[in-house]
Amino acid sequence: MDFDEFREFGHASIEFIINYLSNIRDRDVLPSVVPHEVINQLPRQIPEQPEHWRHILHDLEHIILPGLTHWQSPYFNAFFPSSTSAGSIIGELLIAGIGVLGFSWVSPPNKESYRQG
């Protein structure tokens, strides 16, 4: 995927998320599929060539989402959403793009290094 396609897919993905969250009240909270329905709609073999991202977003909408519990729905009362604000979603996008790893292999400095003089 070159940067032009990445840009187009990224914009389409953000729009997908906005539409999903904007219309989440219209979705059934719990999955509306029978056992094995999702897996039976997916290819049996790993594809030799990558699929176009438009096909991936289509499959996400029509195959994957019907098989999910929609945790961010205001009608799902078991847990409260904690990471679906626009800011937290963009934060995760930026962290993934920069490649931030939330740990360090470096030993912490000793207490003396914190002293200012």
PDB file of N, CA and C in Angstrom:
ATOM      1  N   MET A   1       0.861  -1.170   0.000  1.00  0.00           N
ATOM      2  CA  MET A   1       0.000   0.000   0.000  1.00  0.00           C
ATOM      3  C   MET A   1       0.909   1.234   0.000  1.00  0.00           C
ATOM      4  N   ASP A   2       0.743   2.059  -0.994  1.00  0.00           N
ATOM      5  CA  ASP A   2       1.529   3.287  -1.040  1.00  0.00           C
ATOM      6  C   ASP A   2       0.836   4.362  -0.191  1.00  0.00           C
ATOM      7  N   PHE A   3       1.491   5.512  -0.043  1.00  0.00           N
ATOM      8  CA  PHE A   3       0.942   6.543   0.834  1.00  0.00           C
ATOM      9  C   PHE A   3      -0.353   7.151   0.304  1.00  0.00           C
ATOM     10  N   ASP A   4      -0.536   7.215  -0.994  1.00  0.00           N
ATOM     11  CA  ASP A   4      -1.798   7.737  -1.526  1.00  0.00           C
ATOM     12  C   ASP A   4      -2.958   6.811  -1.168  1.00  0.00           C
ATOM     13  N   GLU A   5      -2.745   5.514  -1.325  1.00  0.00           N
ATOM     14  CA  GLU A   5      -3.791   4.556  -0.970  1.00  0.00           C
ATOM     15  C   GLU A   5      -4.000   4.537   0.551  1.00  0.00           C
ATOM     16  N   PHE A   6      -2.908   4.642   1.300  1.00  0.00           N
ATOM     17  CA  PHE A   6      -3.002   4.720   2.759  1.00  0.00           C
ATOM     18  C   PHE A   6      -3.859   5.917   3.171  1.00  0.00           C
ATOM     19  N   ARG A   7      -3.639   7.053   2.540  1.00  0.00           N
ATOM     20  CA  ARG A   7      -4.417   8.264   2.835  1.00  0.00           C
ATOM     21  C   ARG A   7      -5.896   8.026   2.536  1.00  0.00           C
ATOM     22  N   GLU A   8      -6.194   7.450   1.376  1.00  0.00           N
ATOM     23  CA  GLU A   8      -7.581   7.203   0.979  1.00  0.00           C
ATOM     24  C   GLU A   8      -8.257   6.205   1.922  1.00  0.00           C
ATOM     25  N   PHE A   9      -7.558   5.123   2.255  1.00  0.00           N
ATOM     26  CA  PHE A   9      -8.087   4.106   3.165  1.00  0.00           C
ATOM     27  C   PHE A   9      -8.256   4.694   4.563  1.00  0.00           C
ATOM     28  N   GLY A  10      -7.295   5.500   4.996  1.00  0.00           N
ATOM     29  CA  GLY A  10      -7.386   6.124   6.312  1.00  0.00           C
ATOM     30  C   GLY A  10      -8.587   7.037   6.423  1.00  0.00           C
ATOM     31  N   HIS A  11      -8.792   7.877   5.403  1.00  0.00           N
ATOM     32  CA  HIS A  11      -9.962   8.771   5.403  1.00  0.00           C
ATOM     33  C   HIS A  11     -11.254   7.951   5.416  1.00  0.00           C
ATOM     34  N   ALA A  12     -11.305   6.913   4.598  1.00  0.00           N
ATOM     35  CA  ALA A  12     -12.506   6.069   4.541  1.00  0.00           C
ATOM     36  C   ALA A  12     -12.728   5.350   5.875  1.00  0.00           C
ATOM     37  N   SER A  13     -11.668   4.957   6.536  1.00  0.00           N
ATOM     38  CA  SER A  13     -11.790   4.271   7.827  1.00  0.00           C
ATOM     39  C   SER A  13     -12.312   5.209   8.909  1.00  0.00           C
ATOM     40  N   ILE A  14     -11.818   6.445   8.909  1.00  0.00           N
ATOM     41  CA  ILE A  14     -12.324   7.433   9.862  1.00  0.00           C
ATOM     42  C   ILE A  14     -13.815   7.679   9.610  1.00  0.00           C
ATOM     43  N   GLU A  15     -14.210   7.807   8.352  1.00  0.00           N
ATOM     44  CA  GLU A  15     -15.629   7.978   8.020  1.00  0.00           C
ATOM     45  C   GLU A  15     -16.444   6.766   8.466  1.00  0.00           C
ATOM     46  N   PHE A  16     -15.880   5.577   8.296  1.00  0.00           N
ATOM     47  CA  PHE A  16     -16.545   4.346   8.728  1.00  0.00           C
ATOM     48  C   PHE A  16     -16.805   4.407  10.236  1.00  0.00           C
ATOM     49  N   ILE A  17     -15.796   4.791  11.004  1.00  0.00           N
ATOM     50  CA  ILE A  17     -15.933   4.869  12.457  1.00  0.00           C
ATOM     51  C   ILE A  17     -16.967   5.924  12.847  1.00  0.00           C
ATOM     52  N   ILE A  18     -16.910   7.085  12.199  1.00  0.00           N
ATOM     53  CA  ILE A  18     -17.883   8.142  12.494  1.00  0.00           C
ATOM     54  C   ILE A  18     -19.300   7.654  12.221  1.00  0.00           C
ATOM     55  N   ASN A  19     -19.508   7.002  11.078  1.00  0.00           N
ATOM     56  CA  ASN A  19     -20.838   6.482  10.748  1.00  0.00           C
ATOM     57  C   ASN A  19     -21.272   5.395  11.731  1.00  0.00           C
ATOM     58  N   TYR A  20     -20.340   4.529  12.096  1.00  0.00           N
ATOM     59  CA  TYR A  20     -20.644   3.461  13.046  1.00  0.00           C
ATOM     60  C   TYR A  20     -21.108   4.052  14.378  1.00  0.00           C
ATOM     61  N   LEU A  21     -20.311   4.962  14.926  1.00  0.00           N
ATOM     62  CA  LEU A  21     -20.653   5.534  16.228  1.00  0.00           C
ATOM     63  C   LEU A  21     -21.883   6.439  16.158  1.00  0.00           C
ATOM     64  N   SER A  22     -22.065   7.119  15.036  1.00  0.00           N
ATOM     65  CA  SER A  22     -23.236   7.993  14.883  1.00  0.00           C
ATOM     66  C   SER A  22     -24.534   7.210  14.812  1.00  0.00           C
ATOM     67  N   ASN A  23     -24.460   5.999  14.301  1.00  0.00           N
ATOM     68  CA  ASN A  23     -25.668   5.192  14.101  1.00  0.00           C
ATOM     69  C   ASN A  23     -25.734   3.967  14.997  1.00  0.00           C
ATOM     70  N   ILE A  24     -24.918   3.937  16.039  1.00  0.00           N
ATOM     71  CA  ILE A  24     -24.848   2.739  16.879  1.00  0.00           C
ATOM     72  C   ILE A  24     -26.180   2.448  17.575  1.00  0.00           C
ATOM     73  N   ARG A  25     -26.975   3.470  17.818  1.00  0.00           N
ATOM     74  CA  ARG A  25     -28.284   3.263  18.457  1.00  0.00           C
ATOM     75  C   ARG A  25     -29.225   2.440  17.579  1.00  0.00           C
ATOM     76  N   ASP A  26     -28.952   2.393  16.281  1.00  0.00           N
ATOM     77  CA  ASP A  26     -29.809   1.654  15.356  1.00  0.00           C
ATOM     78  C   ASP A  26     -29.432   0.173  15.254  1.00  0.00           C
ATOM     79  N   ARG A  27     -28.331  -0.214  15.858  1.00  0.00           N
ATOM     80  CA  ARG A  27     -27.858  -1.606  15.774  1.00  0.00           C
ATOM     81  C   ARG A  27     -28.362  -2.405  16.964  1.00  0.00           C
ATOM     82  N   ASP A  28     -28.575  -3.688  16.741  1.00  0.00           N
ATOM     83  CA  ASP A  28     -28.846  -4.583  17.855  1.00  0.00           C
ATOM     84  C   ASP A  28     -27.587  -4.635  18.712  1.00  0.00           C
ATOM     85  N   VAL A  29     -27.745  -4.586  20.021  1.00  0.00           N
ATOM     86  CA  VAL A  29     -26.581  -4.620  20.906  1.00  0.00           C
ATOM     87  C   VAL A  29     -25.867  -5.967  20.799  1.00  0.00           C
ATOM     88  N   LEU A  30     -26.635  -7.027  20.828  1.00  0.00           N
ATOM     89  CA  LEU A  30     -26.059  -8.373  20.790  1.00  0.00           C
ATOM     90  C   LEU A  30     -26.007  -8.891  19.364  1.00  0.00           C
ATOM     91  N   PRO A  31     -25.118  -9.833  19.088  1.00  0.00           N
ATOM     92  CA  PRO A  31     -24.991 -10.363  17.732  1.00  0.00           C
ATOM     93  C   PRO A  31     -26.308 -10.894  17.198  1.00  0.00           C
ATOM     94  N   SER A  32     -26.494 -10.679  15.914  1.00  0.00           N
ATOM     95  CA  SER A  32     -27.730 -11.140  15.276  1.00  0.00           C
ATOM     96  C   SER A  32     -27.439 -12.259  14.283  1.00  0.00           C
ATOM     97  N   VAL A  33     -26.479 -13.104  14.622  1.00  0.00           N
ATOM     98  CA  VAL A  33     -26.082 -14.203  13.737  1.00  0.00           C
ATOM     99  C   VAL A  33     -26.219 -15.533  14.473  1.00  0.00           C
ATOM    100  N   VAL A  34     -26.265 -16.602  13.712  1.00  0.00           N
ATOM    101  CA  VAL A  34     -26.283 -17.941  14.288  1.00  0.00           C
ATOM    102  C   VAL A  34     -24.844 -18.444  14.377  1.00  0.00           C
ATOM    103  N   PRO A  35     -24.571 -19.457  15.201  1.00  0.00           N
ATOM    104  CA  PRO A  35     -23.200 -19.968  15.307  1.00  0.00           C
ATOM    105  C   PRO A  35     -22.620 -20.327  13.940  1.00  0.00           C
ATOM    106  N   HIS A  36     -21.381 -19.963  13.731  1.00  0.00           N
ATOM    107  CA  HIS A  36     -20.591 -20.234  12.520  1.00  0.00           C
ATOM    108  C   HIS A  36     -20.975 -19.367  11.326  1.00  0.00           C
ATOM    109  N   GLU A  37     -21.947 -18.489  11.471  1.00  0.00           N
ATOM    110  CA  GLU A  37     -22.364 -17.673  10.332  1.00  0.00           C
ATOM    111  C   GLU A  37     -21.242 -16.752   9.850  1.00  0.00           C
ATOM    112  N   VAL A  38     -20.525 -16.147  10.772  1.00  0.00           N
ATOM    113  CA  VAL A  38     -19.438 -15.239  10.385  1.00  0.00           C
ATOM    114  C   VAL A  38     -18.321 -16.016   9.697  1.00  0.00           C
ATOM    115  N   ILE A  39     -17.838 -17.056  10.311  1.00  0.00           N
ATOM    116  CA  ILE A  39     -16.720 -17.828   9.743  1.00  0.00           C
ATOM    117  C   ILE A  39     -17.082 -18.436   8.395  1.00  0.00           C
ATOM    118  N   ASN A  40     -18.339 -18.817   8.226  1.00  0.00           N
ATOM    119  CA  ASN A  40     -18.755 -19.411   6.958  1.00  0.00           C
ATOM    120  C   ASN A  40     -18.814 -18.403   5.811  1.00  0.00           C
ATOM    121  N   GLN A  41     -18.804 -17.112   6.144  1.00  0.00           N
ATOM    122  CA  GLN A  41     -18.814 -16.088   5.105  1.00  0.00           C
ATOM    123  C   GLN A  41     -17.408 -15.634   4.714  1.00  0.00           C
ATOM    124  N   LEU A  42     -16.413 -16.108   5.443  1.00  0.00           N
ATOM    125  CA  LEU A  42     -15.034 -15.719   5.161  1.00  0.00           C
ATOM    126  C   LEU A  42     -14.368 -16.756   4.260  1.00  0.00           C
ATOM    127  N   PRO A  43     -13.337 -16.362   3.517  1.00  0.00           N
ATOM    128  CA  PRO A  43     -12.653 -17.322   2.641  1.00  0.00           C
ATOM    129  C   PRO A  43     -12.063 -18.487   3.437  1.00  0.00           C
ATOM    130  N   ARG A  44     -12.094 -19.642   2.841  1.00  0.00           N
ATOM    131  CA  ARG A  44     -11.542 -20.842   3.486  1.00  0.00           C
ATOM    132  C   ARG A  44     -10.010 -20.858   3.443  1.00  0.00           C
ATOM    133  N   GLN A  45      -9.455 -20.234   2.423  1.00  0.00           N
ATOM    134  CA  GLN A  45      -8.008 -20.200   2.238  1.00  0.00           C
ATOM    135  C   GLN A  45      -7.502 -18.770   2.364  1.00  0.00           C
ATOM    136  N   ILE A  46      -6.262 -18.643   2.770  1.00  0.00           N
ATOM    137  CA  ILE A  46      -5.644 -17.322   2.799  1.00  0.00           C
ATOM    138  C   ILE A  46      -5.495 -16.856   1.357  1.00  0.00           C
ATOM    139  N   PRO A  47      -5.924 -15.628   1.057  1.00  0.00           N
ATOM    140  CA  PRO A  47      -5.849 -15.162  -0.328  1.00  0.00           C
ATOM    141  C   PRO A  47      -4.400 -15.033  -0.804  1.00  0.00           C
ATOM    142  N   GLU A  48      -4.201 -15.316  -2.062  1.00  0.00           N
ATOM    143  CA  GLU A  48      -2.874 -15.174  -2.675  1.00  0.00           C
ATOM    144  C   GLU A  48      -2.526 -13.698  -2.859  1.00  0.00           C
ATOM    145  N   GLN A  49      -3.535 -12.895  -3.151  1.00  0.00           N
ATOM    146  CA  GLN A  49      -3.347 -11.465  -3.374  1.00  0.00           C
ATOM    147  C   GLN A  49      -4.195 -10.696  -2.358  1.00  0.00           C
ATOM    148  N   PRO A  50      -3.714  -9.530  -1.931  1.00  0.00           N
ATOM    149  CA  PRO A  50      -4.522  -8.755  -0.984  1.00  0.00           C
ATOM    150  C   PRO A  50      -5.797  -8.232  -1.633  1.00  0.00           C
ATOM    151  N   GLU A  51      -6.840  -8.129  -0.832  1.00  0.00           N
ATOM    152  CA  GLU A  51      -8.089  -7.556  -1.314  1.00  0.00           C
ATOM    153  C   GLU A  51      -8.005  -6.042  -1.229  1.00  0.00           C
ATOM    154  N   HIS A  52      -8.767  -5.370  -2.065  1.00  0.00           N
ATOM    155  CA  HIS A  52      -8.820  -3.917  -2.009  1.00  0.00           C
ATOM    156  C   HIS A  52      -9.458  -3.502  -0.690  1.00  0.00           C
ATOM    157  N   TRP A  53      -9.010  -2.384  -0.148  1.00  0.00           N
ATOM    158  CA  TRP A  53      -9.507  -1.957   1.152  1.00  0.00           C
ATOM    159  C   TRP A  53     -11.008  -1.689   1.146  1.00  0.00           C
ATOM    160  N   ARG A  54     -11.582  -1.319   0.016  1.00  0.00           N
ATOM    161  CA  ARG A  54     -13.037  -1.101  -0.035  1.00  0.00           C
ATOM    162  C   ARG A  54     -13.782  -2.410   0.262  1.00  0.00           C
ATOM    163  N   HIS A  55     -13.248  -3.520  -0.229  1.00  0.00           N
ATOM    164  CA  HIS A  55     -13.852  -4.824   0.036  1.00  0.00           C
ATOM    165  C   HIS A  55     -13.727  -5.175   1.522  1.00  0.00           C
ATOM    166  N   ILE A  56     -12.616  -4.790   2.124  1.00  0.00           N
ATOM    167  CA  ILE A  56     -12.410  -5.058   3.552  1.00  0.00           C
ATOM    168  C   ILE A  56     -13.429  -4.292   4.385  1.00  0.00           C
ATOM    169  N   LEU A  57     -13.632  -3.001   4.077  1.00  0.00           N
ATOM    170  CA  LEU A  57     -14.626  -2.228   4.818  1.00  0.00           C
ATOM    171  C   LEU A  57     -16.035  -2.768   4.592  1.00  0.00           C
ATOM    172  N   HIS A  58     -16.317  -3.238   3.385  1.00  0.00           N
ATOM    173  CA  HIS A  58     -17.620  -3.851   3.102  1.00  0.00           C
ATOM    174  C   HIS A  58     -17.815  -5.098   3.969  1.00  0.00           C
ATOM    175  N   ASP A  59     -16.800  -5.961   4.017  1.00  0.00           N
ATOM    176  CA  ASP A  59     -16.889  -7.172   4.843  1.00  0.00           C
ATOM    177  C   ASP A  59     -17.025  -6.823   6.318  1.00  0.00           C
ATOM    178  N   LEU A  60     -16.329  -5.791   6.748  1.00  0.00           N
ATOM    179  CA  LEU A  60     -16.424  -5.367   8.143  1.00  0.00           C
ATOM    180  C   LEU A  60     -17.863  -4.988   8.473  1.00  0.00           C
ATOM    181  N   GLU A  61     -18.482  -4.221   7.599  1.00  0.00           N
ATOM    182  CA  GLU A  61     -19.868  -3.792   7.830  1.00  0.00           C
ATOM    183  C   GLU A  61     -20.858  -4.943   7.750  1.00  0.00           C
ATOM    184  N   HIS A  62     -20.725  -5.800   6.746  1.00  0.00           N
ATOM    185  CA  HIS A  62     -21.774  -6.787   6.453  1.00  0.00           C
ATOM    186  C   HIS A  62     -21.525  -8.174   7.027  1.00  0.00           C
ATOM    187  N   ILE A  63     -20.284  -8.483   7.402  1.00  0.00           N
ATOM    188  CA  ILE A  63     -19.988  -9.806   7.959  1.00  0.00           C
ATOM    189  C   ILE A  63     -19.591  -9.713   9.430  1.00  0.00           C
ATOM    190  N   ILE A  64     -18.624  -8.847   9.731  1.00  0.00           N
ATOM    191  CA  ILE A  64     -18.063  -8.799  11.082  1.00  0.00           C
ATOM    192  C   ILE A  64     -18.993  -8.087  12.069  1.00  0.00           C
ATOM    193  N   LEU A  65     -19.434  -6.884  11.754  1.00  0.00           N
ATOM    194  CA  LEU A  65     -20.250  -6.125  12.717  1.00  0.00           C
ATOM    195  C   LEU A  65     -21.523  -6.842  13.159  1.00  0.00           C
ATOM    196  N   PRO A  66     -22.243  -7.536  12.279  1.00  0.00           N
ATOM    197  CA  PRO A  66     -23.434  -8.256  12.769  1.00  0.00           C
ATOM    198  C   PRO A  66     -23.105  -9.353  13.787  1.00  0.00           C
ATOM    199  N   GLY A  67     -21.855  -9.806  13.814  1.00  0.00           N
ATOM    200  CA  GLY A  67     -21.461 -10.857  14.747  1.00  0.00           C
ATOM    201  C   GLY A  67     -20.849 -10.354  16.038  1.00  0.00           C
ATOM    202  N   LEU A  68     -20.868  -9.045  16.245  1.00  0.00           N
ATOM    203  CA  LEU A  68     -20.259  -8.468  17.436  1.00  0.00           C
ATOM    204  C   LEU A  68     -21.291  -8.017  18.457  1.00  0.00           C
ATOM    205  N   THR A  69     -20.869  -7.977  19.713  1.00  0.00           N
ATOM    206  CA  THR A  69     -21.601  -7.255  20.736  1.00  0.00           C
ATOM    207  C   THR A  69     -21.117  -5.823  20.647  1.00  0.00           C
ATOM    208  N   HIS A  70     -22.018  -4.888  20.540  1.00  0.00           N
ATOM    209  CA  HIS A  70     -21.656  -3.482  20.360  1.00  0.00           C
ATOM    210  C   HIS A  70     -21.543  -2.802  21.721  1.00  0.00           C
ATOM    211  N   TRP A  71     -20.354  -2.904  22.278  1.00  0.00           N
ATOM    212  CA  TRP A  71     -20.069  -2.435  23.626  1.00  0.00           C
ATOM    213  C   TRP A  71     -20.273  -0.934  23.783  1.00  0.00           C
ATOM    214  N   GLN A  72     -20.147  -0.193  22.704  1.00  0.00           N
ATOM    215  CA  GLN A  72     -20.268   1.264  22.801  1.00  0.00           C
ATOM    216  C   GLN A  72     -21.723   1.735  22.687  1.00  0.00           C
ATOM    217  N   SER A  73     -22.632   0.816  22.479  1.00  0.00           N
ATOM    218  CA  SER A  73     -24.038   1.183  22.368  1.00  0.00           C
ATOM    219  C   SER A  73     -24.544   1.745  23.700  1.00  0.00           C
ATOM    220  N   PRO A  74     -25.340   2.792  23.634  1.00  0.00           N
ATOM    221  CA  PRO A  74     -25.932   3.289  24.887  1.00  0.00           C
ATOM    222  C   PRO A  74     -26.927   2.295  25.486  1.00  0.00           C
ATOM    223  N   TYR A  75     -27.302   1.279  24.742  1.00  0.00           N
ATOM    224  CA  TYR A  75     -28.225   0.260  25.241  1.00  0.00           C
ATOM    225  C   TYR A  75     -27.502  -0.930  25.878  1.00  0.00           C
ATOM    226  N   PHE A  76     -26.174  -0.925  25.813  1.00  0.00           N
ATOM    227  CA  PHE A  76     -25.382  -1.990  26.448  1.00  0.00           C
ATOM    228  C   PHE A  76     -24.990  -1.484  27.825  1.00  0.00           C
ATOM    229  N   ASN A  77     -25.616  -2.019  28.851  1.00  0.00           N
ATOM    230  CA  ASN A  77     -25.464  -1.456  30.190  1.00  0.00           C
ATOM    231  C   ASN A  77     -24.572  -2.268  31.117  1.00  0.00           C
ATOM    232  N   ALA A  78     -23.836  -3.232  30.609  1.00  0.00           N
ATOM    233  CA  ALA A  78     -22.971  -4.022  31.473  1.00  0.00           C
ATOM    234  C   ALA A  78     -21.692  -3.261  31.812  1.00  0.00           C
ATOM    235  N   PHE A  79     -21.184  -2.478  30.877  1.00  0.00           N
ATOM    236  CA  PHE A  79     -19.966  -1.700  31.084  1.00  0.00           C
ATOM    237  C   PHE A  79     -20.192  -0.313  30.509  1.00  0.00           C
ATOM    238  N   PHE A  80     -19.364   0.616  30.915  1.00  0.00           N
ATOM    239  CA  PHE A  80     -19.464   1.967  30.386  1.00  0.00           C
ATOM    240  C   PHE A  80     -18.286   2.225  29.457  1.00  0.00           C
ATOM    241  N   PRO A  81     -18.531   2.820  28.314  1.00  0.00           N
ATOM    242  CA  PRO A  81     -17.437   3.106  27.373  1.00  0.00           C
ATOM    243  C   PRO A  81     -16.376   3.988  28.022  1.00  0.00           C
ATOM    244  N   SER A  82     -15.129   3.640  27.800  1.00  0.00           N
ATOM    245  CA  SER A  82     -14.065   4.437  28.400  1.00  0.00           C
ATOM    246  C   SER A  82     -13.042   4.906  27.371  1.00  0.00           C
ATOM    247  N   SER A  83     -13.102   4.380  26.166  1.00  0.00           N
ATOM    248  CA  SER A  83     -12.061   4.766  25.203  1.00  0.00           C
ATOM    249  C   SER A  83     -12.620   4.998  23.809  1.00  0.00           C
ATOM    250  N   THR A  84     -13.811   5.561  23.737  1.00  0.00           N
ATOM    251  CA  THR A  84     -14.375   5.801  22.408  1.00  0.00           C
ATOM    252  C   THR A  84     -14.686   7.258  22.154  1.00  0.00           C
ATOM    253  N   SER A  85     -14.071   8.126  22.927  1.00  0.00           N
ATOM    254  CA  SER A  85     -14.229   9.530  22.580  1.00  0.00           C
ATOM    255  C   SER A  85     -13.436   9.769  21.304  1.00  0.00           C
ATOM    256  N   ALA A  86     -13.780  10.799  20.580  1.00  0.00           N
ATOM    257  CA  ALA A  86     -13.036  11.113  19.358  1.00  0.00           C
ATOM    258  C   ALA A  86     -11.551  11.292  19.667  1.00  0.00           C
ATOM    259  N   GLY A  87     -11.252  11.951  20.772  1.00  0.00           N
ATOM    260  CA  GLY A  87      -9.857  12.168  21.147  1.00  0.00           C
ATOM    261  C   GLY A  87      -9.103  10.882  21.418  1.00  0.00           C
ATOM    262  N   SER A  88      -9.738   9.923  22.109  1.00  0.00           N
ATOM    263  CA  SER A  88      -9.039   8.675  22.405  1.00  0.00           C
ATOM    264  C   SER A  88      -8.837   7.839  21.149  1.00  0.00           C
ATOM    265  N   ILE A  89      -9.784   7.882  20.218  1.00  0.00           N
ATOM    266  CA  ILE A  89      -9.626   7.146  18.961  1.00  0.00           C
ATOM    267  C   ILE A  89      -8.481   7.734  18.150  1.00  0.00           C
ATOM    268  N   ILE A  90      -8.431   9.067  18.049  1.00  0.00           N
ATOM    269  CA  ILE A  90      -7.337   9.716  17.328  1.00  0.00           C
ATOM    270  C   ILE A  90      -6.016   9.448  18.031  1.00  0.00           C
ATOM    271  N   GLY A  91      -6.022   9.448  19.363  1.00  0.00           N
ATOM    272  CA  GLY A  91      -4.806   9.136  20.117  1.00  0.00           C
ATOM    273  C   GLY A  91      -4.263   7.761  19.783  1.00  0.00           C
ATOM    274  N   GLU A  92      -5.143   6.762  19.703  1.00  0.00           N
ATOM    275  CA  GLU A  92      -4.705   5.415  19.342  1.00  0.00           C
ATOM    276  C   GLU A  92      -4.163   5.371  17.920  1.00  0.00           C
ATOM    277  N   LEU A  93      -4.798   6.106  17.016  1.00  0.00           N
ATOM    278  CA  LEU A  93      -4.319   6.185  15.639  1.00  0.00           C
ATOM    279  C   LEU A  93      -2.909   6.770  15.593  1.00  0.00           C
ATOM    280  N   LEU A  94      -2.701   7.868  16.306  1.00  0.00           N
ATOM    281  CA  LEU A  94      -1.385   8.502  16.319  1.00  0.00           C
ATOM    282  C   LEU A  94      -0.326   7.605  16.952  1.00  0.00           C
ATOM    283  N   ILE A  95      -0.672   6.935  18.041  1.00  0.00           N
ATOM    284  CA  ILE A  95       0.270   6.029  18.691  1.00  0.00           C
ATOM    285  C   ILE A  95       0.658   4.898  17.747  1.00  0.00           C
ATOM    286  N   ALA A  96      -0.323   4.341  17.033  1.00  0.00           N
ATOM    287  CA  ALA A  96      -0.025   3.264  16.087  1.00  0.00           C
ATOM    288  C   ALA A  96       0.857   3.765  14.945  1.00  0.00           C
ATOM    289  N   GLY A  97       0.566   4.966  14.441  1.00  0.00           N
ATOM    290  CA  GLY A  97       1.350   5.501  13.337  1.00  0.00           C
ATOM    291  C   GLY A  97       2.784   5.814  13.701  1.00  0.00           C
ATOM    292  N   ILE A  98       2.991   6.277  14.924  1.00  0.00           N
ATOM    293  CA  ILE A  98       4.333   6.613  15.376  1.00  0.00           C
ATOM    294  C   ILE A  98       5.069   5.351  15.838  1.00  0.00           C
ATOM    295  N   GLY A  99       4.325   4.344  16.214  1.00  0.00           N
ATOM    296  CA  GLY A  99       4.935   3.092  16.668  1.00  0.00           C
ATOM    297  C   GLY A  99       5.376   3.146  18.119  1.00  0.00           C
ATOM    298  N   VAL A 100       4.590   3.825  18.942  1.00  0.00           N
ATOM    299  CA  VAL A 100       4.934   3.953  20.351  1.00  0.00           C
ATOM    300  C   VAL A 100       4.742   2.618  21.055  1.00  0.00           C
ATOM    301  N   LEU A 101       5.763   2.210  21.782  1.00  0.00           N
ATOM    302  CA  LEU A 101       5.666   1.030  22.637  1.00  0.00           C
ATOM    303  C   LEU A 101       5.611   1.531  24.074  1.00  0.00           C
ATOM    304  N   GLY A 102       4.653   1.073  24.818  1.00  0.00           N
ATOM    305  CA  GLY A 102       4.422   1.590  26.159  1.00  0.00           C
ATOM    306  C   GLY A 102       5.314   0.997  27.223  1.00  0.00           C
ATOM    307  N   PHE A 103       6.560   0.760  26.920  1.00  0.00           N
ATOM    308  CA  PHE A 103       7.493   0.252  27.917  1.00  0.00           C
ATOM    309  C   PHE A 103       8.894   0.693  27.529  1.00  0.00           C
ATOM    310  N   SER A 104       9.837   0.467  28.423  1.00  0.00           N
ATOM    311  CA  SER A 104      11.225   0.839  28.156  1.00  0.00           C
ATOM    312  C   SER A 104      12.140  -0.304  28.565  1.00  0.00           C
ATOM    313  N   TRP A 105      13.151  -0.567  27.756  1.00  0.00           N
ATOM    314  CA  TRP A 105      14.142  -1.580  28.093  1.00  0.00           C
ATOM    315  C   TRP A 105      15.258  -0.986  28.953  1.00  0.00           C
ATOM    316  N   VAL A 106      15.230   0.328  29.121  1.00  0.00           N
ATOM    317  CA  VAL A 106      16.265   1.029  29.860  1.00  0.00           C
ATOM    318  C   VAL A 106      15.908   1.013  31.335  1.00  0.00           C
ATOM    319  N   SER A 107      16.908   0.774  32.168  1.00  0.00           N
ATOM    320  CA  SER A 107      16.671   0.819  33.609  1.00  0.00           C
ATOM    321  C   SER A 107      16.360   2.244  34.021  1.00  0.00           C
ATOM    322  N   PRO A 108      15.476   2.418  34.997  1.00  0.00           N
ATOM    323  CA  PRO A 108      15.176   3.780  35.442  1.00  0.00           C
ATOM    324  C   PRO A 108      16.419   4.399  36.074  1.00  0.00           C
ATOM    325  N   PRO A 109      16.545   5.704  35.955  1.00  0.00           N
ATOM    326  CA  PRO A 109      17.709   6.355  36.570  1.00  0.00           C
ATOM    327  C   PRO A 109      17.626   6.269  38.084  1.00  0.00           C
ATOM    328  N   ASN A 110      18.769   6.422  38.726  1.00  0.00           N
ATOM    329  CA  ASN A 110      18.749   6.392  40.198  1.00  0.00           C
ATOM    330  C   ASN A 110      18.151   7.689  40.730  1.00  0.00           C
ATOM    331  N   LYS A 111      17.826   7.696  41.988  1.00  0.00           N
ATOM    332  CA  LYS A 111      17.169   8.847  42.589  1.00  0.00           C
ATOM    333  C   LYS A 111      18.031  10.097  42.514  1.00  0.00           C
ATOM    334  N   GLU A 112      19.331   9.930  42.539  1.00  0.00           N
ATOM    335  CA  GLU A 112      20.234  11.082  42.490  1.00  0.00           C
ATOM    336  C   GLU A 112      20.061  11.887  41.198  1.00  0.00           C
ATOM    337  N   SER A 113      19.716  11.226  40.104  1.00  0.00           N
ATOM    338  CA  SER A 113      19.597  11.937  38.839  1.00  0.00           C
ATOM    339  C   SER A 113      18.378  12.871  38.812  1.00  0.00           C
ATOM    340  N   TYR A 114      17.458  12.700  39.765  1.00  0.00           N
ATOM    341  CA  TYR A 114      16.288  13.565  39.831  1.00  0.00           C
ATOM    342  C   TYR A 114      16.563  14.865  40.579  1.00  0.00           C
ATOM    343  N   ARG A 115      17.638  14.909  41.306  1.00  0.00           N
ATOM    344  CA  ARG A 115      17.946  16.105  42.093  1.00  0.00           C
ATOM    345  C   ARG A 115      18.461  17.211  41.202  1.00  0.00           C
ATOM    346  N   GLN A 116      18.062  18.404  41.507  1.00  0.00           N
ATOM    347  CA  GLN A 116      18.416  19.570  40.694  1.00  0.00           C
ATOM    348  C   GLN A 116      19.599  20.339  41.271  1.00  0.00           C
ATOM    349  N   GLY A 117      20.514  19.769  41.822  1.00  0.00           N
ATOM    350  CA  GLY A 117      21.674  20.549  42.263  1.00  0.00           C
ATOM    351  C   GLY A 117      22.125  20.117  43.557  1.00  0.00           C
TER     352      GLY A 117
END
